[in-house]
């Protein structure tokens, strides 16, 4: 598998190193000459200087045979341009973009970026998991990025407690994947009665996440 990474900041540098160590063929494209020289000393010949927003630079990097292009520069507009060019001009199968401002995520989704990663959102979710009273957090965006996998923990005040799964009127494209109770995965049955301390894995559309949250855990 051949992976091109655009942007040699901390994210791009460590991502490159990790993928190389995993045995992947990787090329990192970075604008700043000093960084290219530094990374070349550290990583060898997997770093080239150039502006990945330019089609010629991508072409010279062999983007036509790349399996994945990952844009992780510090500029959302640049990341969007790189991914769109890779996908539309060079027909790269999968493009992934870093989003620095979470408010830009809907734009990336509408413009066909396969997957987007927001460090801000990831950090917020990590913080949420450390707050005992918070019980509804993202685990992962699914492939089309319109759906997310949610982990929710019911407490004694959750409106879902003592109700059966089939009693809820969930929005379309919502599915409870599993219910974990006492460290064991329960058989999924429509008449299963939920209890406090049950942990649920749920697939939900981003746009209806707030409604599902209200049904299961109420206001937090």
C-alpha atoms as a PDB file:
ATOM      1  CA  UNK A   1       0.000   0.000   0.000  1.00  0.00           C
ATOM      2  CA  UNK A   2       1.310   3.447  -0.983  1.00  0.00           C
ATOM      3  CA  UNK A   3       0.338   6.403   1.220  1.00  0.00           C
ATOM      4  CA  UNK A   4       1.055  10.073   0.559  1.00  0.00           C
ATOM      5  CA  UNK A   5       0.968  12.473   3.511  1.00  0.00           C
ATOM      6  CA  UNK A   6       0.753  16.219   2.902  1.00  0.00           C
ATOM      7  CA  UNK A   7       1.992  18.461   5.710  1.00  0.00           C
ATOM      8  CA  UNK A   8       5.105  17.995   7.805  1.00  0.00           C
ATOM      9  CA  UNK A   9       3.952  19.402  11.105  1.00  0.00           C
ATOM     10  CA  UNK A  10       3.992  17.274  14.229  1.00  0.00           C
ATOM     11  CA  UNK A  11       0.981  15.260  13.064  1.00  0.00           C
ATOM     12  CA  UNK A  12       2.426  14.560   9.617  1.00  0.00           C
ATOM     13  CA  UNK A  13       5.888  13.776  10.923  1.00  0.00           C
ATOM     14  CA  UNK A  14       4.751  11.262  13.570  1.00  0.00           C
ATOM     15  CA  UNK A  15       2.151   9.747  11.251  1.00  0.00           C
ATOM     16  CA  UNK A  16       4.865   9.190   8.643  1.00  0.00           C
ATOM     17  CA  UNK A  17       7.195   7.592  11.153  1.00  0.00           C
ATOM     18  CA  UNK A  18       4.462   5.317  12.501  1.00  0.00           C
ATOM     19  CA  UNK A  19       3.377   4.120   9.054  1.00  0.00           C
ATOM     20  CA  UNK A  20       6.958   3.523   7.942  1.00  0.00           C
ATOM     21  CA  UNK A  21       7.558   1.464  11.065  1.00  0.00           C
ATOM     22  CA  UNK A  22       4.448  -0.549  10.211  1.00  0.00           C
ATOM     23  CA  UNK A  23       6.000  -1.422   6.866  1.00  0.00           C
ATOM     24  CA  UNK A  24       3.939   0.822   4.563  1.00  0.00           C
ATOM     25  CA  UNK A  25       5.365   2.677   1.580  1.00  0.00           C
ATOM     26  CA  UNK A  26       4.992   6.322   2.577  1.00  0.00           C
ATOM     27  CA  UNK A  27       5.925   9.703   1.128  1.00  0.00           C
ATOM     28  CA  UNK A  28       5.692  12.912   3.140  1.00  0.00           C
ATOM     29  CA  UNK A  29       5.358  16.216   1.260  1.00  0.00           C
ATOM     30  CA  UNK A  30       6.420  19.350   3.158  1.00  0.00           C
ATOM     31  CA  UNK A  31       6.872  22.938   1.972  1.00  0.00           C
ATOM     32  CA  UNK A  32       9.564  24.104   4.381  1.00  0.00           C
ATOM     33  CA  UNK A  33      13.083  23.169   3.277  1.00  0.00           C
ATOM     34  CA  UNK A  34      14.529  23.108   6.809  1.00  0.00           C
ATOM     35  CA  UNK A  35      11.905  20.590   7.918  1.00  0.00           C
ATOM     36  CA  UNK A  36      12.535  18.419   4.863  1.00  0.00           C
ATOM     37  CA  UNK A  37      16.255  18.344   5.627  1.00  0.00           C
ATOM     38  CA  UNK A  38      15.619  17.525   9.291  1.00  0.00           C
ATOM     39  CA  UNK A  39      13.116  14.775   8.536  1.00  0.00           C
ATOM     40  CA  UNK A  40      15.332  13.299   5.837  1.00  0.00           C
ATOM     41  CA  UNK A  41      18.088  12.849   8.412  1.00  0.00           C
ATOM     42  CA  UNK A  42      15.621  11.161  10.742  1.00  0.00           C
ATOM     43  CA  UNK A  43      13.450   9.172   8.338  1.00  0.00           C
ATOM     44  CA  UNK A  44      15.523   8.752   5.198  1.00  0.00           C
ATOM     45  CA  UNK A  45      14.289   9.318   1.673  1.00  0.00           C
ATOM     46  CA  UNK A  46      10.568   9.335   2.409  1.00  0.00           C
ATOM     47  CA  UNK A  47      10.313  13.134   2.512  1.00  0.00           C
ATOM     48  CA  UNK A  48      10.175  15.566  -0.415  1.00  0.00           C
ATOM     49  CA  UNK A  49       9.891  19.333  -0.562  1.00  0.00           C
ATOM     50  CA  UNK A  50       6.917  20.855  -2.322  1.00  0.00           C
ATOM     51  CA  UNK A  51       3.450  22.342  -2.085  1.00  0.00           C
ATOM     52  CA  UNK A  52       0.931  19.509  -2.169  1.00  0.00           C
ATOM     53  CA  UNK A  53      -1.751  21.959  -3.303  1.00  0.00           C
ATOM     54  CA  UNK A  54      -0.034  21.940  -6.714  1.00  0.00           C
ATOM     55  CA  UNK A  55      -1.016  19.196  -9.139  1.00  0.00           C
ATOM     56  CA  UNK A  56       2.528  18.881 -10.503  1.00  0.00           C
ATOM     57  CA  UNK A  57       3.919  18.211  -7.025  1.00  0.00           C
ATOM     58  CA  UNK A  58       1.356  15.489  -6.430  1.00  0.00           C
ATOM     59  CA  UNK A  59       2.024  13.996  -9.854  1.00  0.00           C
ATOM     60  CA  UNK A  60       5.773  13.905  -9.211  1.00  0.00           C
ATOM     61  CA  UNK A  61       5.052  12.203  -5.888  1.00  0.00           C
ATOM     62  CA  UNK A  62       3.340   9.378  -7.740  1.00  0.00           C
ATOM     63  CA  UNK A  63      -0.171  10.205  -6.598  1.00  0.00           C
ATOM     64  CA  UNK A  64      -1.641   8.292  -9.543  1.00  0.00           C
ATOM     65  CA  UNK A  65      -0.636   5.027  -7.887  1.00  0.00           C
ATOM     66  CA  UNK A  66      -1.368   6.091  -4.298  1.00  0.00           C
ATOM     67  CA  UNK A  67      -3.919   4.090  -2.348  1.00  0.00           C
ATOM     68  CA  UNK A  68      -4.492   6.830   0.223  1.00  0.00           C
ATOM     69  CA  UNK A  69      -3.745  10.548   0.417  1.00  0.00           C
ATOM     70  CA  UNK A  70      -3.798  12.129   3.882  1.00  0.00           C
ATOM     71  CA  UNK A  71      -3.755  15.938   4.182  1.00  0.00           C
ATOM     72  CA  UNK A  72      -2.716  17.116   7.648  1.00  0.00           C
ATOM     73  CA  UNK A  73      -1.471  20.656   7.115  1.00  0.00           C
ATOM     74  CA  UNK A  74      -2.427  23.379   9.561  1.00  0.00           C
ATOM     75  CA  UNK A  75      -4.773  24.990   7.021  1.00  0.00           C
ATOM     76  CA  UNK A  76      -8.240  23.522   6.418  1.00  0.00           C
ATOM     77  CA  UNK A  77      -8.536  25.109   2.975  1.00  0.00           C
ATOM     78  CA  UNK A  78      -5.243  23.549   1.870  1.00  0.00           C
ATOM     79  CA  UNK A  79      -6.301  20.153   3.182  1.00  0.00           C
ATOM     80  CA  UNK A  80      -9.553  20.366   1.266  1.00  0.00           C
ATOM     81  CA  UNK A  81      -7.804  21.380  -1.980  1.00  0.00           C
ATOM     82  CA  UNK A  82      -5.258  18.565  -1.665  1.00  0.00           C
ATOM     83  CA  UNK A  83      -7.895  15.919  -1.042  1.00  0.00           C
ATOM     84  CA  UNK A  84     -10.223  17.098  -3.790  1.00  0.00           C
ATOM     85  CA  UNK A  85      -7.386  17.260  -6.305  1.00  0.00           C
ATOM     86  CA  UNK A  86      -6.175  13.780  -5.356  1.00  0.00           C
ATOM     87  CA  UNK A  87      -9.659  12.319  -5.634  1.00  0.00           C
ATOM     88  CA  UNK A  88     -11.030  14.123  -8.681  1.00  0.00           C
ATOM     89  CA  UNK A  89      -7.965  14.698 -10.819  1.00  0.00           C
ATOM     90  CA  UNK A  90      -5.911  11.630  -9.941  1.00  0.00           C
ATOM     91  CA  UNK A  91      -8.695   9.225  -8.916  1.00  0.00           C
ATOM     92  CA  UNK A  92      -7.133   8.272  -5.582  1.00  0.00           C
ATOM     93  CA  UNK A  93      -9.356   5.675  -3.923  1.00  0.00           C
ATOM     94  CA  UNK A  94      -9.400   7.184  -0.448  1.00  0.00           C
ATOM     95  CA  UNK A  95      -8.584  10.643   0.881  1.00  0.00           C
ATOM     96  CA  UNK A  96      -8.434  11.707   4.521  1.00  0.00           C
ATOM     97  CA  UNK A  97      -8.283  15.293   5.760  1.00  0.00           C
ATOM     98  CA  UNK A  98      -7.342  16.881   9.039  1.00  0.00           C
ATOM     99  CA  UNK A  99      -9.840  19.528  10.138  1.00  0.00           C
ATOM    100  CA  UNK A 100      -8.498  22.200  12.447  1.00  0.00           C
ATOM    101  CA  UNK A 101     -11.841  23.955  12.904  1.00  0.00           C
ATOM    102  CA  UNK A 102     -14.676  21.475  13.679  1.00  0.00           C
ATOM    103  CA  UNK A 103     -17.182  23.910  12.131  1.00  0.00           C
ATOM    104  CA  UNK A 104     -15.709  23.099   8.716  1.00  0.00           C
ATOM    105  CA  UNK A 105     -16.538  19.396   8.956  1.00  0.00           C
ATOM    106  CA  UNK A 106     -19.952  19.620   7.169  1.00  0.00           C
ATOM    107  CA  UNK A 107     -18.239  21.312   4.214  1.00  0.00           C
ATOM    108  CA  UNK A 108     -15.679  18.518   3.931  1.00  0.00           C
ATOM    109  CA  UNK A 109     -18.456  15.939   4.085  1.00  0.00           C
ATOM    110  CA  UNK A 110     -20.521  17.636   1.369  1.00  0.00           C
ATOM    111  CA  UNK A 111     -17.517  17.883  -0.927  1.00  0.00           C
ATOM    112  CA  UNK A 112     -16.868  14.159  -0.858  1.00  0.00           C
ATOM    113  CA  UNK A 113     -13.885  13.780   1.458  1.00  0.00           C
ATOM    114  CA  UNK A 114     -13.874  10.111   2.491  1.00  0.00           C
ATOM    115  CA  UNK A 115     -12.944  10.766   6.096  1.00  0.00           C
ATOM    116  CA  UNK A 116     -12.054  13.767   8.193  1.00  0.00           C
ATOM    117  CA  UNK A 117     -10.350  13.950  11.562  1.00  0.00           C
ATOM    118  CA  UNK A 118     -10.700  16.872  13.931  1.00  0.00           C
ATOM    119  CA  UNK A 119      -8.011  16.915  16.663  1.00  0.00           C
ATOM    120  CA  UNK A 120     -10.194  19.369  18.567  1.00  0.00           C
ATOM    121  CA  UNK A 121     -13.137  16.973  18.576  1.00  0.00           C
ATOM    122  CA  UNK A 122     -10.910  14.045  19.534  1.00  0.00           C
ATOM    123  CA  UNK A 123      -9.514  15.973  22.507  1.00  0.00           C
ATOM    124  CA  UNK A 124     -13.001  17.027  23.600  1.00  0.00           C
ATOM    125  CA  UNK A 125     -14.171  13.412  23.454  1.00  0.00           C
ATOM    126  CA  UNK A 126     -11.157  12.283  25.474  1.00  0.00           C
ATOM    127  CA  UNK A 127     -11.960  14.914  28.094  1.00  0.00           C
ATOM    128  CA  UNK A 128     -15.617  13.873  28.095  1.00  0.00           C
ATOM    129  CA  UNK A 129     -14.656  10.291  28.881  1.00  0.00           C
ATOM    130  CA  UNK A 130     -12.807  11.498  31.989  1.00  0.00           C
ATOM    131  CA  UNK A 131     -15.846  13.340  33.357  1.00  0.00           C
ATOM    132  CA  UNK A 132     -17.900  10.912  35.456  1.00  0.00           C
ATOM    133  CA  UNK A 133     -21.188  12.715  34.822  1.00  0.00           C
ATOM    134  CA  UNK A 134     -20.755  12.705  31.053  1.00  0.00           C
ATOM    135  CA  UNK A 135     -22.123   9.570  29.450  1.00  0.00           C
ATOM    136  CA  UNK A 136     -22.449  10.090  25.701  1.00  0.00           C
ATOM    137  CA  UNK A 137     -19.341  10.239  23.535  1.00  0.00           C
ATOM    138  CA  UNK A 138     -18.095   9.450  20.034  1.00  0.00           C
ATOM    139  CA  UNK A 139     -15.930   6.402  19.462  1.00  0.00           C
ATOM    140  CA  UNK A 140     -15.542   6.663  15.711  1.00  0.00           C
ATOM    141  CA  UNK A 141     -16.930   8.088  12.497  1.00  0.00           C
ATOM    142  CA  UNK A 142     -18.022   5.362  10.108  1.00  0.00           C
ATOM    143  CA  UNK A 143     -16.934   5.077   6.512  1.00  0.00           C
ATOM    144  CA  UNK A 144     -19.300   7.583   4.881  1.00  0.00           C
ATOM    145  CA  UNK A 145     -18.746  10.029   7.782  1.00  0.00           C
ATOM    146  CA  UNK A 146     -22.508  10.660   8.088  1.00  0.00           C
ATOM    147  CA  UNK A 147     -22.817   7.998  10.752  1.00  0.00           C
ATOM    148  CA  UNK A 148     -20.967   7.802  14.053  1.00  0.00           C
ATOM    149  CA  UNK A 149     -20.470   5.070  16.614  1.00  0.00           C
ATOM    150  CA  UNK A 150     -21.521   6.266  20.057  1.00  0.00           C
ATOM    151  CA  UNK A 151     -20.733   4.814  23.470  1.00  0.00           C
ATOM    152  CA  UNK A 152     -23.288   5.719  26.115  1.00  0.00           C
ATOM    153  CA  UNK A 153     -23.474   4.770  29.773  1.00  0.00           C
ATOM    154  CA  UNK A 154     -26.869   4.837  31.468  1.00  0.00           C
ATOM    155  CA  UNK A 155     -27.135   6.083  35.037  1.00  0.00           C
ATOM    156  CA  UNK A 156     -29.995   5.856  37.504  1.00  0.00           C
ATOM    157  CA  UNK A 157     -31.483   9.109  36.225  1.00  0.00           C
ATOM    158  CA  UNK A 158     -31.374   8.157  32.531  1.00  0.00           C
ATOM    159  CA  UNK A 159     -34.865   8.206  30.958  1.00  0.00           C
ATOM    160  CA  UNK A 160     -34.061   4.904  29.210  1.00  0.00           C
ATOM    161  CA  UNK A 161     -33.723   2.931  32.445  1.00  0.00           C
ATOM    162  CA  UNK A 162     -36.486   0.316  33.000  1.00  0.00           C
ATOM    163  CA  UNK A 163     -37.662   0.672  29.398  1.00  0.00           C
ATOM    164  CA  UNK A 164     -37.444  -1.925  26.634  1.00  0.00           C
ATOM    165  CA  UNK A 165     -35.456  -1.279  23.481  1.00  0.00           C
ATOM    166  CA  UNK A 166     -38.525  -1.608  21.267  1.00  0.00           C
ATOM    167  CA  UNK A 167     -40.319   1.140  23.213  1.00  0.00           C
ATOM    168  CA  UNK A 168     -38.076   3.856  21.772  1.00  0.00           C
ATOM    169  CA  UNK A 169     -38.979   5.760  18.634  1.00  0.00           C
ATOM    170  CA  UNK A 170     -35.460   6.328  17.362  1.00  0.00           C
ATOM    171  CA  UNK A 171     -34.721   8.457  14.266  1.00  0.00           C
ATOM    172  CA  UNK A 172     -34.038   6.562  11.016  1.00  0.00           C
ATOM    173  CA  UNK A 173     -30.602   4.944  10.652  1.00  0.00           C
ATOM    174  CA  UNK A 174     -30.237   4.524  14.399  1.00  0.00           C
ATOM    175  CA  UNK A 175     -29.253   1.103  15.673  1.00  0.00           C
ATOM    176  CA  UNK A 176     -28.248  -0.236  19.080  1.00  0.00           C
ATOM    177  CA  UNK A 177     -25.309  -2.497  18.269  1.00  0.00           C
ATOM    178  CA  UNK A 178     -24.816  -4.020  21.717  1.00  0.00           C
ATOM    179  CA  UNK A 179     -25.723  -3.724  25.373  1.00  0.00           C
ATOM    180  CA  UNK A 180     -23.041  -4.531  27.950  1.00  0.00           C
ATOM    181  CA  UNK A 181     -24.083  -5.286  31.515  1.00  0.00           C
ATOM    182  CA  UNK A 182     -21.695  -6.348  34.233  1.00  0.00           C
ATOM    183  CA  UNK A 183     -18.927  -6.923  31.712  1.00  0.00           C
ATOM    184  CA  UNK A 184     -21.053  -9.227  29.545  1.00  0.00           C
ATOM    185  CA  UNK A 185     -22.643  -8.562  26.160  1.00  0.00           C
ATOM    186  CA  UNK A 186     -26.367  -9.269  26.380  1.00  0.00           C
ATOM    187  CA  UNK A 187     -28.285 -10.985  23.564  1.00  0.00           C
ATOM    188  CA  UNK A 188     -29.971  -8.275  21.499  1.00  0.00           C
ATOM    189  CA  UNK A 189     -33.728  -8.701  21.876  1.00  0.00           C
ATOM    190  CA  UNK A 190     -36.395  -6.055  21.175  1.00  0.00           C
ATOM    191  CA  UNK A 191     -37.975  -6.578  24.609  1.00  0.00           C
ATOM    192  CA  UNK A 192     -34.680  -6.232  26.504  1.00  0.00           C
ATOM    193  CA  UNK A 193     -35.203  -3.962  29.529  1.00  0.00           C
ATOM    194  CA  UNK A 194     -32.390  -1.464  30.048  1.00  0.00           C
ATOM    195  CA  UNK A 195     -30.864  -0.914  33.474  1.00  0.00           C
ATOM    196  CA  UNK A 196     -28.660   1.659  35.180  1.00  0.00           C
ATOM    197  CA  UNK A 197     -24.958   1.073  34.415  1.00  0.00           C
ATOM    198  CA  UNK A 198     -25.770  -0.546  31.068  1.00  0.00           C
ATOM    199  CA  UNK A 199     -23.273   0.490  28.404  1.00  0.00           C
ATOM    200  CA  UNK A 200     -24.688   0.829  24.895  1.00  0.00           C
ATOM    201  CA  UNK A 201     -22.933   0.987  21.556  1.00  0.00           C
ATOM    202  CA  UNK A 202     -25.099   2.842  19.070  1.00  0.00           C
ATOM    203  CA  UNK A 203     -24.840   3.785  15.407  1.00  0.00           C
ATOM    204  CA  UNK A 204     -26.517   7.115  14.758  1.00  0.00           C
ATOM    205  CA  UNK A 205     -26.639   9.848  12.122  1.00  0.00           C
ATOM    206  CA  UNK A 206     -24.727  12.952  13.125  1.00  0.00           C
ATOM    207  CA  UNK A 207     -27.749  15.157  12.491  1.00  0.00           C
ATOM    208  CA  UNK A 208     -29.983  13.140  14.848  1.00  0.00           C
ATOM    209  CA  UNK A 209     -27.399  12.533  17.568  1.00  0.00           C
ATOM    210  CA  UNK A 210     -28.921  15.132  19.908  1.00  0.00           C
ATOM    211  CA  UNK A 211     -32.336  13.482  19.692  1.00  0.00           C
ATOM    212  CA  UNK A 212     -30.916  10.033  20.478  1.00  0.00           C
ATOM    213  CA  UNK A 213     -28.978  11.528  23.385  1.00  0.00           C
ATOM    214  CA  UNK A 214     -32.195  13.030  24.779  1.00  0.00           C
ATOM    215  CA  UNK A 215     -34.031   9.705  24.555  1.00  0.00           C
ATOM    216  CA  UNK A 216     -31.313   7.689  26.259  1.00  0.00           C
ATOM    217  CA  UNK A 217     -29.558   9.898  28.767  1.00  0.00           C
ATOM    218  CA  UNK A 218     -31.600  13.085  28.906  1.00  0.00           C
ATOM    219  CA  UNK A 219     -29.943  16.462  29.538  1.00  0.00           C
ATOM    220  CA  UNK A 220     -26.362  16.550  30.821  1.00  0.00           C
END
